[in-house]
């Protein structure tokens, strides 16, 4: 999953999109390192077992920075700060009073 802040700096919200399904954690990590996302984004990999009768998502989760660096937790503070800088950099998109 790719997570990112969106909205306005006065009312930011987290959005997520599932981009890809990989057959292994190693392949997911390779995918993450190859694809560029904005600094106000991060990645989460949540392993699932497919083709099973029991649906158990489990507790295993892996977080990665927007550049693919492994992290212990979702970098929401860093990503929010990056989003606010992004909004300030593009007033024509977010409006003059978005910061």
PDB file of N, CA and C in Angstrom:
ATOM      1  N   UNK A   1       0.847  -1.171   0.000  1.00  0.00           N
ATOM      2  CA  UNK A   1       0.000   0.000   0.000  1.00  0.00           C
ATOM      3  C   UNK A   1       0.891   1.231   0.000  1.00  0.00           C
ATOM      4  N   UNK A   2       0.454   2.247  -0.703  1.00  0.00           N
ATOM      5  CA  UNK A   2       1.120   3.541  -0.657  1.00  0.00           C
ATOM      6  C   UNK A   2       0.192   4.488   0.085  1.00  0.00           C
ATOM      7  N   UNK A   3       0.739   5.146   1.103  1.00  0.00           N
ATOM      8  CA  UNK A   3      -0.015   6.117   1.899  1.00  0.00           C
ATOM      9  C   UNK A   3       0.543   7.494   1.630  1.00  0.00           C
ATOM     10  N   UNK A   4      -0.305   8.512   1.646  1.00  0.00           N
ATOM     11  CA  UNK A   4       0.164   9.882   1.479  1.00  0.00           C
ATOM     12  C   UNK A   4      -0.827  10.851   2.096  1.00  0.00           C
ATOM     13  N   UNK A   5      -0.309  12.008   2.461  1.00  0.00           N
ATOM     14  CA  UNK A   5      -1.178  13.083   2.912  1.00  0.00           C
ATOM     15  C   UNK A   5      -1.733  13.795   1.700  1.00  0.00           C
ATOM     16  N   UNK A   6      -2.979  14.215   1.803  1.00  0.00           N
ATOM     17  CA  UNK A   6      -3.608  15.000   0.748  1.00  0.00           C
ATOM     18  C   UNK A   6      -4.605  15.950   1.388  1.00  0.00           C
ATOM     19  N   UNK A   7      -5.224  16.787   0.595  1.00  0.00           N
ATOM     20  CA  UNK A   7      -6.148  17.794   1.097  1.00  0.00           C
ATOM     21  C   UNK A   7      -5.455  19.141   1.140  1.00  0.00           C
ATOM     22  N   UNK A   8      -5.653  19.891   2.225  1.00  0.00           N
ATOM     23  CA  UNK A   8      -4.974  21.175   2.405  1.00  0.00           C
ATOM     24  C   UNK A   8      -4.158  21.091   3.683  1.00  0.00           C
ATOM     25  N   UNK A   9      -3.204  21.986   3.853  1.00  0.00           N
ATOM     26  CA  UNK A   9      -2.379  21.930   5.057  1.00  0.00           C
ATOM     27  C   UNK A   9      -3.212  22.220   6.297  1.00  0.00           C
ATOM     28  N   UNK A  10      -4.312  22.946   6.148  1.00  0.00           N
ATOM     29  CA  UNK A  10      -5.193  23.222   7.267  1.00  0.00           C
ATOM     30  C   UNK A  10      -6.097  22.052   7.620  1.00  0.00           C
ATOM     31  N   UNK A  11      -6.255  21.130   6.688  1.00  0.00           N
ATOM     32  CA  UNK A  11      -7.118  19.974   6.908  1.00  0.00           C
ATOM     33  C   UNK A  11      -6.549  18.754   6.171  1.00  0.00           C
ATOM     34  N   UNK A  12      -5.317  18.350   6.515  1.00  0.00           N
ATOM     35  CA  UNK A  12      -4.720  17.219   5.807  1.00  0.00           C
ATOM     36  C   UNK A  12      -5.373  15.898   6.212  1.00  0.00           C
ATOM     37  N   UNK A  13      -5.365  14.968   5.292  1.00  0.00           N
ATOM     38  CA  UNK A  13      -5.874  13.631   5.592  1.00  0.00           C
ATOM     39  C   UNK A  13      -4.986  12.604   4.903  1.00  0.00           C
ATOM     40  N   UNK A  14      -4.997  11.410   5.449  1.00  0.00           N
ATOM     41  CA  UNK A  14      -4.190  10.329   4.880  1.00  0.00           C
ATOM     42  C   UNK A  14      -5.052   9.543   3.901  1.00  0.00           C
ATOM     43  N   UNK A  15      -4.492   9.294   2.736  1.00  0.00           N
ATOM     44  CA  UNK A  15      -5.147   8.496   1.713  1.00  0.00           C
ATOM     45  C   UNK A  15      -4.243   7.307   1.413  1.00  0.00           C
ATOM     46  N   UNK A  16      -4.819   6.215   0.977  1.00  0.00           N
ATOM     47  CA  UNK A  16      -4.002   5.049   0.629  1.00  0.00           C
ATOM     48  C   UNK A  16      -4.508   4.405  -0.648  1.00  0.00           C
ATOM     49  N   UNK A  17      -3.576   3.780  -1.365  1.00  0.00           N
ATOM     50  CA  UNK A  17      -3.885   3.099  -2.613  1.00  0.00           C
ATOM     51  C   UNK A  17      -3.054   1.821  -2.662  1.00  0.00           C
ATOM     52  N   UNK A  18      -3.697   0.729  -3.002  1.00  0.00           N
ATOM     53  CA  UNK A  18      -2.937  -0.499  -3.202  1.00  0.00           C
ATOM     54  C   UNK A  18      -2.475  -0.521  -4.650  1.00  0.00           C
ATOM     55  N   UNK A  19      -1.149  -0.411  -4.835  1.00  0.00           N
ATOM     56  CA  UNK A  19      -0.581  -0.360  -6.178  1.00  0.00           C
ATOM     57  C   UNK A  19      -0.244  -1.729  -6.744  1.00  0.00           C
ATOM     58  N   UNK A  20       0.179  -2.629  -5.892  1.00  0.00           N
ATOM     59  CA  UNK A  20       0.812  -3.827  -6.413  1.00  0.00           C
ATOM     60  C   UNK A  20       0.654  -4.975  -5.426  1.00  0.00           C
ATOM     61  N   UNK A  21       0.578  -6.159  -5.951  1.00  0.00           N
ATOM     62  CA  UNK A  21       0.599  -7.365  -5.132  1.00  0.00           C
ATOM     63  C   UNK A  21       1.827  -8.149  -5.565  1.00  0.00           C
ATOM     64  N   UNK A  22       2.640  -8.550  -4.603  1.00  0.00           N
ATOM     65  CA  UNK A  22       3.873  -9.284  -4.885  1.00  0.00           C
ATOM     66  C   UNK A  22       3.801 -10.670  -4.276  1.00  0.00           C
ATOM     67  N   UNK A  23       4.567 -11.574  -4.844  1.00  0.00           N
ATOM     68  CA  UNK A  23       4.566 -12.948  -4.347  1.00  0.00           C
ATOM     69  C   UNK A  23       5.506 -13.155  -3.162  1.00  0.00           C
ATOM     70  N   UNK A  24       6.307 -12.136  -2.835  1.00  0.00           N
ATOM     71  CA  UNK A  24       7.206 -12.259  -1.679  1.00  0.00           C
ATOM     72  C   UNK A  24       7.533 -10.865  -1.147  1.00  0.00           C
ATOM     73  N   UNK A  25       7.986 -10.818   0.090  1.00  0.00           N
ATOM     74  CA  UNK A  25       8.406  -9.545   0.676  1.00  0.00           C
ATOM     75  C   UNK A  25       9.576  -8.973  -0.105  1.00  0.00           C
ATOM     76  N   UNK A  26      10.496  -9.805  -0.517  1.00  0.00           N
ATOM     77  CA  UNK A  26      11.658  -9.342  -1.288  1.00  0.00           C
ATOM     78  C   UNK A  26      11.233  -8.664  -2.592  1.00  0.00           C
ATOM     79  N   UNK A  27      10.259  -9.233  -3.273  1.00  0.00           N
ATOM     80  CA  UNK A  27       9.770  -8.626  -4.519  1.00  0.00           C
ATOM     81  C   UNK A  27       9.029  -7.322  -4.244  1.00  0.00           C
ATOM     82  N   UNK A  28       8.290  -7.269  -3.143  1.00  0.00           N
ATOM     83  CA  UNK A  28       7.609  -6.029  -2.770  1.00  0.00           C
ATOM     84  C   UNK A  28       8.628  -4.935  -2.484  1.00  0.00           C
ATOM     85  N   UNK A  29       9.686  -5.266  -1.757  1.00  0.00           N
ATOM     86  CA  UNK A  29      10.731  -4.277  -1.455  1.00  0.00           C
ATOM     87  C   UNK A  29      11.429  -3.794  -2.726  1.00  0.00           C
ATOM     88  N   UNK A  30      11.665  -4.674  -3.670  1.00  0.00           N
ATOM     89  CA  UNK A  30      12.279  -4.272  -4.945  1.00  0.00           C
ATOM     90  C   UNK A  30      11.353  -3.318  -5.697  1.00  0.00           C
ATOM     91  N   UNK A  31      10.061  -3.609  -5.694  1.00  0.00           N
ATOM     92  CA  UNK A  31       9.076  -2.740  -6.346  1.00  0.00           C
ATOM     93  C   UNK A  31       9.097  -1.348  -5.716  1.00  0.00           C
ATOM     94  N   UNK A  32       9.085  -1.308  -4.384  1.00  0.00           N
ATOM     95  CA  UNK A  32       9.080  -0.035  -3.662  1.00  0.00           C
ATOM     96  C   UNK A  32      10.317   0.796  -4.003  1.00  0.00           C
ATOM     97  N   UNK A  33      11.471   0.170  -4.056  1.00  0.00           N
ATOM     98  CA  UNK A  33      12.713   0.911  -4.350  1.00  0.00           C
ATOM     99  C   UNK A  33      12.752   1.431  -5.788  1.00  0.00           C
ATOM    100  N   UNK A  34      12.030   0.785  -6.691  1.00  0.00           N
ATOM    101  CA  UNK A  34      12.042   1.198  -8.107  1.00  0.00           C
ATOM    102  C   UNK A  34      11.079   2.319  -8.428  1.00  0.00           C
ATOM    103  N   UNK A  35      10.090   2.555  -7.581  1.00  0.00           N
ATOM    104  CA  UNK A  35       9.042   3.515  -7.907  1.00  0.00           C
ATOM    105  C   UNK A  35       9.130   4.771  -7.057  1.00  0.00           C
ATOM    106  N   UNK A  36       9.061   5.906  -7.735  1.00  0.00           N
ATOM    107  CA  UNK A  36       9.148   7.210  -7.075  1.00  0.00           C
ATOM    108  C   UNK A  36       7.770   7.625  -6.561  1.00  0.00           C
ATOM    109  N   UNK A  37       7.740   8.048  -5.293  1.00  0.00           N
ATOM    110  CA  UNK A  37       6.546   8.670  -4.726  1.00  0.00           C
ATOM    111  C   UNK A  37       6.994   9.935  -4.004  1.00  0.00           C
ATOM    112  N   UNK A  38       6.065  10.845  -3.773  1.00  0.00           N
ATOM    113  CA  UNK A  38       6.403  12.123  -3.137  1.00  0.00           C
ATOM    114  C   UNK A  38       6.868  11.949  -1.689  1.00  0.00           C
ATOM    115  N   UNK A  39       7.553  12.954  -1.189  1.00  0.00           N
ATOM    116  CA  UNK A  39       8.103  12.929   0.163  1.00  0.00           C
ATOM    117  C   UNK A  39       7.023  12.867   1.234  1.00  0.00           C
ATOM    118  N   UNK A  40       5.798  13.243   0.901  1.00  0.00           N
ATOM    119  CA  UNK A  40       4.713  13.152   1.885  1.00  0.00           C
ATOM    120  C   UNK A  40       3.996  11.801   1.809  1.00  0.00           C
ATOM    121  N   UNK A  41       4.721  10.791   1.316  1.00  0.00           N
ATOM    122  CA  UNK A  41       4.201   9.431   1.170  1.00  0.00           C
ATOM    123  C   UNK A  41       5.052   8.438   1.947  1.00  0.00           C
ATOM    124  N   UNK A  42       4.508   7.252   2.123  1.00  0.00           N
ATOM    125  CA  UNK A  42       5.269   6.124   2.648  1.00  0.00           C
ATOM    126  C   UNK A  42       4.595   4.836   2.185  1.00  0.00           C
ATOM    127  N   UNK A  43       5.286   3.737   2.373  1.00  0.00           N
ATOM    128  CA  UNK A  43       4.805   2.432   1.942  1.00  0.00           C
ATOM    129  C   UNK A  43       4.528   1.540   3.144  1.00  0.00           C
ATOM    130  N   UNK A  44       3.572   0.651   2.980  1.00  0.00           N
ATOM    131  CA  UNK A  44       3.302  -0.378   3.976  1.00  0.00           C
ATOM    132  C   UNK A  44       3.104  -1.698   3.239  1.00  0.00           C
ATOM    133  N   UNK A  45       3.761  -2.733   3.733  1.00  0.00           N
ATOM    134  CA  UNK A  45       3.590  -4.077   3.184  1.00  0.00           C
ATOM    135  C   UNK A  45       2.966  -4.928   4.284  1.00  0.00           C
ATOM    136  N   UNK A  46       1.859  -5.540   3.954  1.00  0.00           N
ATOM    137  CA  UNK A  46       1.134  -6.380   4.898  1.00  0.00           C
ATOM    138  C   UNK A  46       0.976  -7.749   4.256  1.00  0.00           C
ATOM    139  N   UNK A  47       1.766  -8.735   4.682  1.00  0.00           N
ATOM    140  CA  UNK A  47       1.682 -10.071   4.062  1.00  0.00           C
ATOM    141  C   UNK A  47       0.326 -10.733   4.286  1.00  0.00           C
ATOM    142  N   UNK A  48      -0.144 -11.403   3.257  1.00  0.00           N
ATOM    143  CA  UNK A  48      -1.393 -12.162   3.306  1.00  0.00           C
ATOM    144  C   UNK A  48      -1.147 -13.544   2.706  1.00  0.00           C
ATOM    145  N   UNK A  49      -1.904 -14.498   3.160  1.00  0.00           N
ATOM    146  CA  UNK A  49      -1.892 -15.823   2.554  1.00  0.00           C
ATOM    147  C   UNK A  49      -3.091 -15.876   1.621  1.00  0.00           C
ATOM    148  N   UNK A  50      -2.835 -16.224   0.379  1.00  0.00           N
ATOM    149  CA  UNK A  50      -3.935 -16.297  -0.581  1.00  0.00           C
ATOM    150  C   UNK A  50      -4.357 -17.752  -0.777  1.00  0.00           C
ATOM    151  N   UNK A  51      -5.505 -17.926  -1.380  1.00  0.00           N
ATOM    152  CA  UNK A  51      -6.040 -19.260  -1.663  1.00  0.00           C
ATOM    153  C   UNK A  51      -6.137 -20.108  -0.399  1.00  0.00           C
ATOM    154  N   UNK A  52      -6.725 -19.545   0.633  1.00  0.00           N
ATOM    155  CA  UNK A  52      -6.917 -20.265   1.886  1.00  0.00           C
ATOM    156  C   UNK A  52      -8.364 -20.108   2.328  1.00  0.00           C
ATOM    157  N   UNK A  53      -8.849 -21.060   3.060  1.00  0.00           N
ATOM    158  CA  UNK A  53     -10.224 -20.998   3.547  1.00  0.00           C
ATOM    159  C   UNK A  53     -10.326 -20.001   4.693  1.00  0.00           C
ATOM    160  N   UNK A  54      -9.315 -19.972   5.558  1.00  0.00           N
ATOM    161  CA  UNK A  54      -9.313 -19.065   6.697  1.00  0.00           C
ATOM    162  C   UNK A  54      -8.735 -17.717   6.286  1.00  0.00           C
ATOM    163  N   UNK A  55      -9.480 -16.662   6.540  1.00  0.00           N
ATOM    164  CA  UNK A  55      -8.997 -15.319   6.211  1.00  0.00           C
ATOM    165  C   UNK A  55      -8.423 -14.695   7.471  1.00  0.00           C
ATOM    166  N   UNK A  56      -7.115 -14.656   7.546  1.00  0.00           N
ATOM    167  CA  UNK A  56      -6.437 -14.095   8.713  1.00  0.00           C
ATOM    168  C   UNK A  56      -5.356 -13.145   8.210  1.00  0.00           C
ATOM    169  N   UNK A  57      -5.562 -11.847   8.419  1.00  0.00           N
ATOM    170  CA  UNK A  57      -4.582 -10.869   7.952  1.00  0.00           C
ATOM    171  C   UNK A  57      -3.315 -10.899   8.779  1.00  0.00           C
ATOM    172  N   UNK A  58      -3.386 -11.349  10.004  1.00  0.00           N
ATOM    173  CA  UNK A  58      -2.199 -11.407  10.843  1.00  0.00           C
ATOM    174  C   UNK A  58      -1.756 -10.030  11.304  1.00  0.00           C
ATOM    175  N   UNK A  59      -0.732 -10.015  12.100  1.00  0.00           N
ATOM    176  CA  UNK A  59      -0.233  -8.761  12.674  1.00  0.00           C
ATOM    177  C   UNK A  59       1.041  -8.259  12.008  1.00  0.00           C
ATOM    178  N   UNK A  60       1.611  -9.036  11.110  1.00  0.00           N
ATOM    179  CA  UNK A  60       2.872  -8.644  10.482  1.00  0.00           C
ATOM    180  C   UNK A  60       2.652  -7.473   9.530  1.00  0.00           C
ATOM    181  N   UNK A  61       3.452  -6.438   9.694  1.00  0.00           N
ATOM    182  CA  UNK A  61       3.378  -5.270   8.817  1.00  0.00           C
ATOM    183  C   UNK A  61       4.771  -4.676   8.709  1.00  0.00           C
ATOM    184  N   UNK A  62       5.109  -4.195   7.539  1.00  0.00           N
ATOM    185  CA  UNK A  62       6.420  -3.590   7.275  1.00  0.00           C
ATOM    186  C   UNK A  62       6.193  -2.189   6.730  1.00  0.00           C
ATOM    187  N   UNK A  63       6.937  -1.223   7.255  1.00  0.00           N
ATOM    188  CA  UNK A  63       6.829   0.171   6.813  1.00  0.00           C
ATOM    189  C   UNK A  63       8.108   0.570   6.109  1.00  0.00           C
ATOM    190  N   UNK A  64       7.966   1.450   5.093  1.00  0.00           N
ATOM    191  CA  UNK A  64       9.105   1.941   4.319  1.00  0.00           C
ATOM    192  C   UNK A  64       8.899   3.423   4.023  1.00  0.00           C
ATOM    193  N   UNK A  65       9.992   4.142   3.980  1.00  0.00           N
ATOM    194  CA  UNK A  65       9.921   5.560   3.632  1.00  0.00           C
ATOM    195  C   UNK A  65       9.539   5.711   2.165  1.00  0.00           C
ATOM    196  N   UNK A  66       9.353   6.947   1.737  1.00  0.00           N
ATOM    197  CA  UNK A  66       9.023   7.206   0.331  1.00  0.00           C
ATOM    198  C   UNK A  66      10.158   6.781  -0.595  1.00  0.00           C
ATOM    199  N   UNK A  67      11.350   6.596  -0.043  1.00  0.00           N
ATOM    200  CA  UNK A  67      12.503   6.146  -0.840  1.00  0.00           C
ATOM    201  C   UNK A  67      12.754   4.645  -0.720  1.00  0.00           C
ATOM    202  N   UNK A  68      11.987   3.960   0.133  1.00  0.00           N
ATOM    203  CA  UNK A  68      12.140   2.519   0.274  1.00  0.00           C
ATOM    204  C   UNK A  68      12.986   2.084   1.460  1.00  0.00           C
ATOM    205  N   UNK A  69      13.352   3.003   2.343  1.00  0.00           N
ATOM    206  CA  UNK A  69      14.130   2.661   3.528  1.00  0.00           C
ATOM    207  C   UNK A  69      13.214   2.000   4.562  1.00  0.00           C
ATOM    208  N   UNK A  70      13.595   0.840   5.092  1.00  0.00           N
ATOM    209  CA  UNK A  70      12.763   0.193   6.113  1.00  0.00           C
ATOM    210  C   UNK A  70      12.631   1.066   7.367  1.00  0.00           C
ATOM    211  N   UNK A  71      11.439   1.096   7.943  1.00  0.00           N
ATOM    212  CA  UNK A  71      11.146   1.889   9.136  1.00  0.00           C
ATOM    213  C   UNK A  71      10.452   1.010  10.172  1.00  0.00           C
ATOM    214  N   UNK A  72      10.484   1.464  11.430  1.00  0.00           N
ATOM    215  CA  UNK A  72       9.804   0.728  12.506  1.00  0.00           C
ATOM    216  C   UNK A  72       8.306   1.034  12.560  1.00  0.00           C
ATOM    217  N   UNK A  73       7.917   2.203  12.081  1.00  0.00           N
ATOM    218  CA  UNK A  73       6.517   2.634  12.143  1.00  0.00           C
ATOM    219  C   UNK A  73       6.238   3.578  10.977  1.00  0.00           C
ATOM    220  N   UNK A  74       4.979   3.838  10.739  1.00  0.00           N
ATOM    221  CA  UNK A  74       4.596   4.783   9.687  1.00  0.00           C
ATOM    222  C   UNK A  74       5.138   6.168  10.025  1.00  0.00           C
ATOM    223  N   UNK A  75       5.791   6.835   9.077  1.00  0.00           N
ATOM    224  CA  UNK A  75       6.419   8.139   9.333  1.00  0.00           C
ATOM    225  C   UNK A  75       5.441   9.299   9.176  1.00  0.00           C
ATOM    226  N   UNK A  76       4.357   9.274   9.909  1.00  0.00           N
ATOM    227  CA  UNK A  76       3.311  10.280   9.711  1.00  0.00           C
ATOM    228  C   UNK A  76       3.782  11.696  10.044  1.00  0.00           C
ATOM    229  N   UNK A  77       4.603  11.863  11.069  1.00  0.00           N
ATOM    230  CA  UNK A  77       5.090  13.203  11.414  1.00  0.00           C
ATOM    231  C   UNK A  77       5.958  13.792  10.323  1.00  0.00           C
ATOM    232  N   UNK A  78       6.904  13.008   9.829  1.00  0.00           N
ATOM    233  CA  UNK A  78       7.779  13.465   8.752  1.00  0.00           C
ATOM    234  C   UNK A  78       6.978  13.723   7.484  1.00  0.00           C
ATOM    235  N   UNK A  79       6.051  12.828   7.176  1.00  0.00           N
ATOM    236  CA  UNK A  79       5.256  12.979   5.958  1.00  0.00           C
ATOM    237  C   UNK A  79       4.338  14.195   6.035  1.00  0.00           C
ATOM    238  N   UNK A  80       3.784  14.468   7.209  1.00  0.00           N
ATOM    239  CA  UNK A  80       2.936  15.648   7.362  1.00  0.00           C
ATOM    240  C   UNK A  80       3.751  16.922   7.169  1.00  0.00           C
ATOM    241  N   UNK A  81       4.946  16.978   7.731  1.00  0.00           N
ATOM    242  CA  UNK A  81       5.814  18.148   7.537  1.00  0.00           C
ATOM    243  C   UNK A  81       6.159  18.315   6.058  1.00  0.00           C
ATOM    244  N   UNK A  82       6.443  17.220   5.372  1.00  0.00           N
ATOM    245  CA  UNK A  82       6.745  17.274   3.933  1.00  0.00           C
ATOM    246  C   UNK A  82       5.530  17.739   3.143  1.00  0.00           C
ATOM    247  N   UNK A  83       4.336  17.320   3.555  1.00  0.00           N
ATOM    248  CA  UNK A  83       3.118  17.743   2.871  1.00  0.00           C
ATOM    249  C   UNK A  83       2.906  19.246   3.022  1.00  0.00           C
ATOM    250  N   UNK A  84       3.113  19.756   4.216  1.00  0.00           N
ATOM    251  CA  UNK A  84       2.945  21.195   4.436  1.00  0.00           C
ATOM    252  C   UNK A  84       3.936  22.002   3.601  1.00  0.00           C
ATOM    253  N   UNK A  85       5.160  21.517   3.445  1.00  0.00           N
ATOM    254  CA  UNK A  85       6.134  22.180   2.567  1.00  0.00           C
ATOM    255  C   UNK A  85       5.671  22.113   1.113  1.00  0.00           C
ATOM    256  N   UNK A  86       5.133  20.971   0.728  1.00  0.00           N
ATOM    257  CA  UNK A  86       4.630  20.781  -0.635  1.00  0.00           C
ATOM    258  C   UNK A  86       3.494  21.763  -0.928  1.00  0.00           C
ATOM    259  N   UNK A  87       2.561  21.904   0.011  1.00  0.00           N
ATOM    260  CA  UNK A  87       1.444  22.836  -0.146  1.00  0.00           C
ATOM    261  C   UNK A  87       1.958  24.269  -0.285  1.00  0.00           C
ATOM    262  N   UNK A  88       2.923  24.650   0.546  1.00  0.00           N
ATOM    263  CA  UNK A  88       3.484  26.005   0.486  1.00  0.00           C
ATOM    264  C   UNK A  88       4.209  26.254  -0.832  1.00  0.00           C
ATOM    265  N   UNK A  89       4.803  25.221  -1.399  1.00  0.00           N
ATOM    266  CA  UNK A  89       5.552  25.337  -2.654  1.00  0.00           C
ATOM    267  C   UNK A  89       4.626  25.523  -3.854  1.00  0.00           C
ATOM    268  N   UNK A  90       3.381  25.088  -3.742  1.00  0.00           N
ATOM    269  CA  UNK A  90       2.452  25.129  -4.878  1.00  0.00           C
ATOM    270  C   UNK A  90       1.159  25.859  -4.522  1.00  0.00           C
ATOM    271  N   UNK A  91       1.231  27.171  -4.246  1.00  0.00           N
ATOM    272  CA  UNK A  91       0.020  27.916  -3.888  1.00  0.00           C
ATOM    273  C   UNK A  91      -0.996  27.978  -5.035  1.00  0.00           C
ATOM    274  N   UNK A  92      -0.543  27.858  -6.271  1.00  0.00           N
ATOM    275  CA  UNK A  92      -1.464  27.896  -7.398  1.00  0.00           C
ATOM    276  C   UNK A  92      -2.383  26.664  -7.416  1.00  0.00           C
ATOM    277  N   UNK A  93      -1.957  25.597  -6.772  1.00  0.00           N
ATOM    278  CA  UNK A  93      -2.776  24.388  -6.691  1.00  0.00           C
ATOM    279  C   UNK A  93      -3.614  24.371  -5.404  1.00  0.00           C
ATOM    280  N   UNK A  94      -2.980  24.735  -4.286  1.00  0.00           N
ATOM    281  CA  UNK A  94      -3.617  24.624  -2.985  1.00  0.00           C
ATOM    282  C   UNK A  94      -4.201  25.922  -2.456  1.00  0.00           C
ATOM    283  N   UNK A  95      -3.985  27.014  -3.145  1.00  0.00           N
ATOM    284  CA  UNK A  95      -4.509  28.311  -2.711  1.00  0.00           C
ATOM    285  C   UNK A  95      -3.493  29.076  -1.885  1.00  0.00           C
ATOM    286  N   UNK A  96      -3.595  30.370  -1.880  1.00  0.00           N
ATOM    287  CA  UNK A  96      -2.651  31.241  -1.184  1.00  0.00           C
ATOM    288  C   UNK A  96      -2.680  31.054   0.326  1.00  0.00           C
ATOM    289  N   UNK A  97      -3.828  30.739   0.893  1.00  0.00           N
ATOM    290  CA  UNK A  97      -3.969  30.662   2.354  1.00  0.00           C
ATOM    291  C   UNK A  97      -3.979  29.230   2.878  1.00  0.00           C
ATOM    292  N   UNK A  98      -3.345  28.318   2.156  1.00  0.00           N
ATOM    293  CA  UNK A  98      -3.358  26.901   2.580  1.00  0.00           C
ATOM    294  C   UNK A  98      -2.292  26.582   3.609  1.00  0.00           C
ATOM    295  N   UNK A  99      -1.345  27.445   3.847  1.00  0.00           N
ATOM    296  CA  UNK A  99      -0.245  27.114   4.744  1.00  0.00           C
ATOM    297  C   UNK A  99      -0.487  27.535   6.082  1.00  0.00           C
TER     298      UNK A  99
END
